[in-house]
């Protein structure tokens, strides 16, 4: 298993590169595996199932959710009113 803060090894493939953000972020991912009952496709099926099992075992790192600044609607309304007041004064001086 990996240590905390250690690099999570990804298989070097196009599929993994496409899914990298989904596998290591806070999102939920589903994986579908195409397998074949044919004996000549045994190796490919086995590799696919092994890869899916490794992807299933990965646990995404805990990403702290960013905290936004306090939302103060009153201050926003005061700023809008001051802007409108400045616009009215500017228009009144132009007449």
N, C-alpha and C. Protein backbone atom coordinates (compact mmCIF):
# COMPACT_ATOMS: atom_id res chain seq x y z
N UNK A 1 0.84 -1.20 0.00
CA UNK A 1 0.00 0.00 0.00
C UNK A 1 0.88 1.25 0.00
N UNK A 2 0.29 2.37 -0.32
CA UNK A 2 1.06 3.60 -0.39
C UNK A 2 1.03 4.33 0.94
N UNK A 3 2.08 5.07 1.18
CA UNK A 3 2.15 5.90 2.39
C UNK A 3 1.34 7.17 2.16
N UNK A 4 0.97 7.82 3.25
CA UNK A 4 0.22 9.07 3.15
C UNK A 4 1.10 10.12 2.48
N UNK A 5 0.57 10.77 1.48
CA UNK A 5 1.32 11.78 0.76
C UNK A 5 2.22 11.23 -0.32
N UNK A 6 2.28 9.92 -0.49
CA UNK A 6 3.12 9.32 -1.51
C UNK A 6 2.44 9.42 -2.87
N UNK A 7 3.24 9.31 -3.91
CA UNK A 7 2.73 9.37 -5.28
C UNK A 7 1.85 8.15 -5.56
N UNK A 8 0.69 8.38 -6.15
CA UNK A 8 -0.20 7.28 -6.53
C UNK A 8 0.22 6.82 -7.92
N UNK A 9 0.68 5.58 -8.07
CA UNK A 9 1.13 5.12 -9.38
C UNK A 9 -0.04 4.86 -10.32
N UNK A 10 0.03 5.43 -11.48
CA UNK A 10 -0.99 5.21 -12.51
C UNK A 10 -0.37 4.39 -13.62
N UNK A 11 -1.16 3.51 -14.16
CA UNK A 11 -0.69 2.71 -15.29
C UNK A 11 -0.52 3.65 -16.48
N UNK A 12 0.51 3.46 -17.24
CA UNK A 12 0.80 4.33 -18.37
C UNK A 12 -0.07 3.92 -19.56
N UNK A 13 -1.28 4.47 -19.62
CA UNK A 13 -2.16 4.18 -20.75
C UNK A 13 -3.03 5.40 -21.01
N UNK A 14 -3.60 5.44 -22.20
CA UNK A 14 -4.46 6.56 -22.57
C UNK A 14 -5.70 6.62 -21.68
N UNK A 15 -6.27 5.46 -21.37
CA UNK A 15 -7.46 5.41 -20.54
C UNK A 15 -7.19 5.99 -19.15
N UNK A 16 -6.06 5.61 -18.57
CA UNK A 16 -5.73 6.11 -17.24
C UNK A 16 -5.49 7.61 -17.27
N UNK A 17 -4.83 8.09 -18.32
CA UNK A 17 -4.61 9.53 -18.42
C UNK A 17 -5.93 10.28 -18.56
N UNK A 18 -6.89 9.69 -19.26
CA UNK A 18 -8.20 10.33 -19.38
C UNK A 18 -8.95 10.34 -18.05
N UNK A 19 -8.80 9.25 -17.29
CA UNK A 19 -9.52 9.12 -16.02
C UNK A 19 -8.74 9.64 -14.83
N UNK A 20 -7.55 10.17 -15.03
CA UNK A 20 -6.69 10.57 -13.92
C UNK A 20 -7.38 11.52 -12.96
N UNK A 21 -8.05 12.54 -13.46
CA UNK A 21 -8.73 13.49 -12.58
C UNK A 21 -9.87 12.83 -11.83
N UNK A 22 -10.59 11.94 -12.48
CA UNK A 22 -11.71 11.27 -11.83
C UNK A 22 -11.23 10.30 -10.76
N UNK A 23 -10.12 9.64 -11.02
CA UNK A 23 -9.62 8.64 -10.07
C UNK A 23 -8.92 9.26 -8.87
N UNK A 24 -8.46 10.50 -9.00
CA UNK A 24 -7.70 11.09 -7.90
C UNK A 24 -8.38 12.30 -7.28
N UNK A 25 -9.58 12.62 -7.71
CA UNK A 25 -10.25 13.78 -7.16
C UNK A 25 -11.37 13.42 -6.23
N UNK A 26 -12.32 14.30 -6.11
CA UNK A 26 -13.45 14.07 -5.22
C UNK A 26 -14.68 13.58 -5.98
N UNK A 27 -14.50 13.27 -7.25
CA UNK A 27 -15.63 12.82 -8.05
C UNK A 27 -15.85 11.31 -7.89
N UNK A 28 -16.97 10.86 -8.39
CA UNK A 28 -17.30 9.44 -8.37
C UNK A 28 -17.16 8.92 -9.79
N UNK A 29 -16.51 7.79 -9.95
CA UNK A 29 -16.29 7.23 -11.29
C UNK A 29 -16.83 5.81 -11.35
N UNK A 30 -17.31 5.43 -12.53
CA UNK A 30 -17.75 4.05 -12.78
C UNK A 30 -16.90 3.51 -13.91
N UNK A 31 -16.53 2.25 -13.81
CA UNK A 31 -15.71 1.65 -14.85
C UNK A 31 -16.42 0.44 -15.42
N UNK A 32 -16.49 0.38 -16.73
CA UNK A 32 -17.04 -0.77 -17.43
C UNK A 32 -15.90 -1.53 -18.07
N UNK A 33 -15.91 -2.82 -17.94
CA UNK A 33 -14.85 -3.66 -18.52
C UNK A 33 -15.45 -4.56 -19.59
N UNK A 34 -14.81 -4.56 -20.73
CA UNK A 34 -15.23 -5.45 -21.81
C UNK A 34 -14.41 -6.73 -21.71
N UNK A 35 -15.05 -7.83 -21.44
CA UNK A 35 -14.37 -9.12 -21.32
C UNK A 35 -14.94 -10.08 -22.35
N UNK A 36 -14.14 -11.08 -22.67
CA UNK A 36 -14.55 -12.04 -23.68
C UNK A 36 -14.45 -13.47 -23.12
N UNK A 37 -15.44 -14.31 -23.43
CA UNK A 37 -15.35 -15.70 -22.98
C UNK A 37 -14.44 -16.54 -23.88
N UNK A 38 -13.97 -15.96 -24.95
CA UNK A 38 -13.14 -16.69 -25.90
C UNK A 38 -11.77 -17.01 -25.29
N UNK A 39 -11.28 -18.22 -25.53
CA UNK A 39 -9.99 -18.64 -24.96
C UNK A 39 -8.81 -17.89 -25.59
N UNK A 40 -8.95 -17.43 -26.84
CA UNK A 40 -7.85 -16.69 -27.45
C UNK A 40 -7.75 -15.26 -26.92
N UNK A 41 -8.76 -14.78 -26.19
CA UNK A 41 -8.73 -13.45 -25.58
C UNK A 41 -8.49 -13.51 -24.07
N UNK A 42 -8.01 -14.65 -23.60
CA UNK A 42 -7.83 -14.87 -22.17
C UNK A 42 -6.89 -13.83 -21.54
N UNK A 43 -5.72 -13.62 -22.15
CA UNK A 43 -4.73 -12.69 -21.60
C UNK A 43 -5.29 -11.27 -21.53
N UNK A 44 -5.95 -10.85 -22.60
CA UNK A 44 -6.51 -9.49 -22.63
C UNK A 44 -7.59 -9.33 -21.58
N UNK A 45 -8.46 -10.32 -21.43
CA UNK A 45 -9.52 -10.28 -20.43
C UNK A 45 -8.93 -10.25 -19.02
N UNK A 46 -7.92 -11.07 -18.79
CA UNK A 46 -7.29 -11.11 -17.47
C UNK A 46 -6.63 -9.78 -17.14
N UNK A 47 -5.92 -9.19 -18.10
CA UNK A 47 -5.29 -7.88 -17.87
C UNK A 47 -6.34 -6.80 -17.60
N UNK A 48 -7.44 -6.85 -18.31
CA UNK A 48 -8.51 -5.88 -18.10
C UNK A 48 -9.08 -6.00 -16.69
N UNK A 49 -9.33 -7.21 -16.26
CA UNK A 49 -9.88 -7.42 -14.92
C UNK A 49 -8.88 -7.03 -13.82
N UNK A 50 -7.60 -7.31 -14.05
CA UNK A 50 -6.58 -6.91 -13.08
C UNK A 50 -6.52 -5.38 -12.97
N UNK A 51 -6.56 -4.71 -14.10
CA UNK A 51 -6.52 -3.24 -14.10
C UNK A 51 -7.75 -2.67 -13.39
N UNK A 52 -8.92 -3.23 -13.67
CA UNK A 52 -10.14 -2.75 -13.02
C UNK A 52 -10.07 -2.97 -11.51
N UNK A 53 -9.52 -4.08 -11.09
CA UNK A 53 -9.38 -4.35 -9.67
C UNK A 53 -8.43 -3.36 -9.01
N UNK A 54 -7.30 -3.05 -9.68
CA UNK A 54 -6.37 -2.06 -9.13
C UNK A 54 -7.02 -0.68 -9.05
N UNK A 55 -7.78 -0.32 -10.07
CA UNK A 55 -8.46 0.99 -10.05
C UNK A 55 -9.49 1.03 -8.93
N UNK A 56 -10.16 -0.09 -8.68
CA UNK A 56 -11.17 -0.15 -7.62
C UNK A 56 -10.52 0.01 -6.25
N UNK A 57 -9.31 -0.53 -6.09
CA UNK A 57 -8.63 -0.49 -4.79
C UNK A 57 -8.08 0.90 -4.45
N UNK A 58 -7.92 1.76 -5.44
CA UNK A 58 -7.37 3.09 -5.19
C UNK A 58 -8.35 3.91 -4.37
N UNK A 59 -7.83 4.59 -3.38
CA UNK A 59 -8.66 5.51 -2.61
C UNK A 59 -8.17 6.92 -2.91
N UNK A 60 -9.07 7.80 -3.30
CA UNK A 60 -8.65 9.15 -3.65
C UNK A 60 -8.17 9.90 -2.42
N UNK A 61 -7.19 10.78 -2.58
CA UNK A 61 -6.73 11.56 -1.43
C UNK A 61 -7.82 12.52 -0.98
N UNK A 62 -7.84 12.79 0.29
CA UNK A 62 -8.82 13.73 0.81
C UNK A 62 -8.40 15.15 0.44
N UNK A 63 -9.22 15.82 -0.34
CA UNK A 63 -8.94 17.17 -0.77
C UNK A 63 -9.80 18.10 0.07
N UNK A 64 -9.16 18.99 0.84
CA UNK A 64 -9.98 19.89 1.65
C UNK A 64 -10.77 20.83 0.75
N UNK A 65 -12.02 21.03 1.11
CA UNK A 65 -12.84 21.93 0.33
C UNK A 65 -12.43 23.36 0.65
N UNK A 66 -12.31 24.15 -0.39
CA UNK A 66 -11.90 25.53 -0.16
C UNK A 66 -13.03 26.31 0.48
N UNK A 67 -12.65 27.19 1.35
CA UNK A 67 -13.64 28.01 2.03
C UNK A 67 -13.64 29.38 1.40
N UNK A 68 -14.77 29.78 0.98
CA UNK A 68 -14.90 31.09 0.38
C UNK A 68 -15.09 32.12 1.48
N UNK A 69 -14.80 33.36 1.15
CA UNK A 69 -14.98 34.43 2.12
C UNK A 69 -16.44 34.55 2.53
N UNK A 70 -16.65 35.19 3.63
CA UNK A 70 -18.02 35.35 4.11
C UNK A 70 -18.84 36.12 3.09
N UNK A 71 -20.03 35.66 2.88
CA UNK A 71 -20.96 36.31 1.95
C UNK A 71 -21.79 37.30 2.75
N UNK A 72 -21.64 38.58 2.42
CA UNK A 72 -22.37 39.62 3.13
C UNK A 72 -23.21 40.39 2.12
N UNK A 73 -24.49 40.01 1.96
CA UNK A 73 -25.33 40.67 0.96
C UNK A 73 -25.54 42.15 1.25
N UNK A 74 -25.53 42.54 2.51
CA UNK A 74 -25.74 43.95 2.85
C UNK A 74 -24.62 44.81 2.30
N UNK A 75 -23.38 44.37 2.45
CA UNK A 75 -22.25 45.13 1.91
C UNK A 75 -22.32 45.20 0.39
N UNK A 76 -22.75 44.12 -0.25
CA UNK A 76 -22.89 44.13 -1.71
C UNK A 76 -23.94 45.14 -2.14
N UNK A 77 -25.06 45.20 -1.43
CA UNK A 77 -26.12 46.15 -1.77
C UNK A 77 -25.67 47.58 -1.55
N UNK A 78 -24.92 47.84 -0.48
CA UNK A 78 -24.39 49.18 -0.22
C UNK A 78 -23.46 49.59 -1.35
N UNK A 79 -22.61 48.67 -1.83
CA UNK A 79 -21.68 48.98 -2.92
C UNK A 79 -22.45 49.30 -4.20
N UNK A 80 -23.51 48.56 -4.49
CA UNK A 80 -24.32 48.82 -5.68
C UNK A 80 -25.01 50.17 -5.57
N UNK A 81 -25.55 50.48 -4.41
CA UNK A 81 -26.24 51.76 -4.20
C UNK A 81 -25.26 52.93 -4.34
N UNK A 82 -24.05 52.78 -3.83
CA UNK A 82 -23.04 53.85 -3.97
C UNK A 82 -22.67 54.05 -5.44
N UNK A 83 -22.57 52.95 -6.17
CA UNK A 83 -22.26 53.06 -7.60
C UNK A 83 -23.39 53.76 -8.34
N UNK A 84 -24.61 53.41 -8.03
CA UNK A 84 -25.77 54.06 -8.66
C UNK A 84 -25.84 55.53 -8.28
N UNK A 85 -25.53 55.84 -7.03
CA UNK A 85 -25.54 57.23 -6.58
C UNK A 85 -24.49 58.03 -7.34
N UNK A 86 -23.31 57.46 -7.54
CA UNK A 86 -22.26 58.13 -8.31
C UNK A 86 -22.68 58.35 -9.75
N UNK A 87 -23.38 57.39 -10.32
CA UNK A 87 -23.87 57.53 -11.69
C UNK A 87 -24.90 58.64 -11.80
N UNK A 88 -25.81 58.70 -10.82
CA UNK A 88 -26.83 59.76 -10.81
C UNK A 88 -26.19 61.15 -10.66
N UNK A 89 -25.21 61.27 -9.81
CA UNK A 89 -24.54 62.57 -9.63
C UNK A 89 -23.84 62.97 -10.93
N UNK A 90 -23.18 62.00 -11.56
CA UNK A 90 -22.48 62.27 -12.82
C UNK A 90 -23.48 62.72 -13.91
N UNK A 91 -24.64 62.06 -13.99
CA UNK A 91 -25.65 62.43 -14.99
C UNK A 91 -26.27 63.78 -14.67
N UNK A 92 -26.46 64.08 -13.38
CA UNK A 92 -27.06 65.37 -12.99
C UNK A 92 -26.12 66.51 -13.31
N UNK A 93 -24.82 66.30 -13.20
CA UNK A 93 -23.86 67.36 -13.52
C UNK A 93 -23.77 67.60 -15.02
N UNK A 94 -24.10 66.63 -15.80
CA UNK A 94 -24.03 66.75 -17.25
C UNK A 94 -25.21 67.51 -17.84
N UNK A 95 -26.27 67.68 -17.09
CA UNK A 95 -27.45 68.38 -17.62
C UNK A 95 -27.37 69.84 -17.44
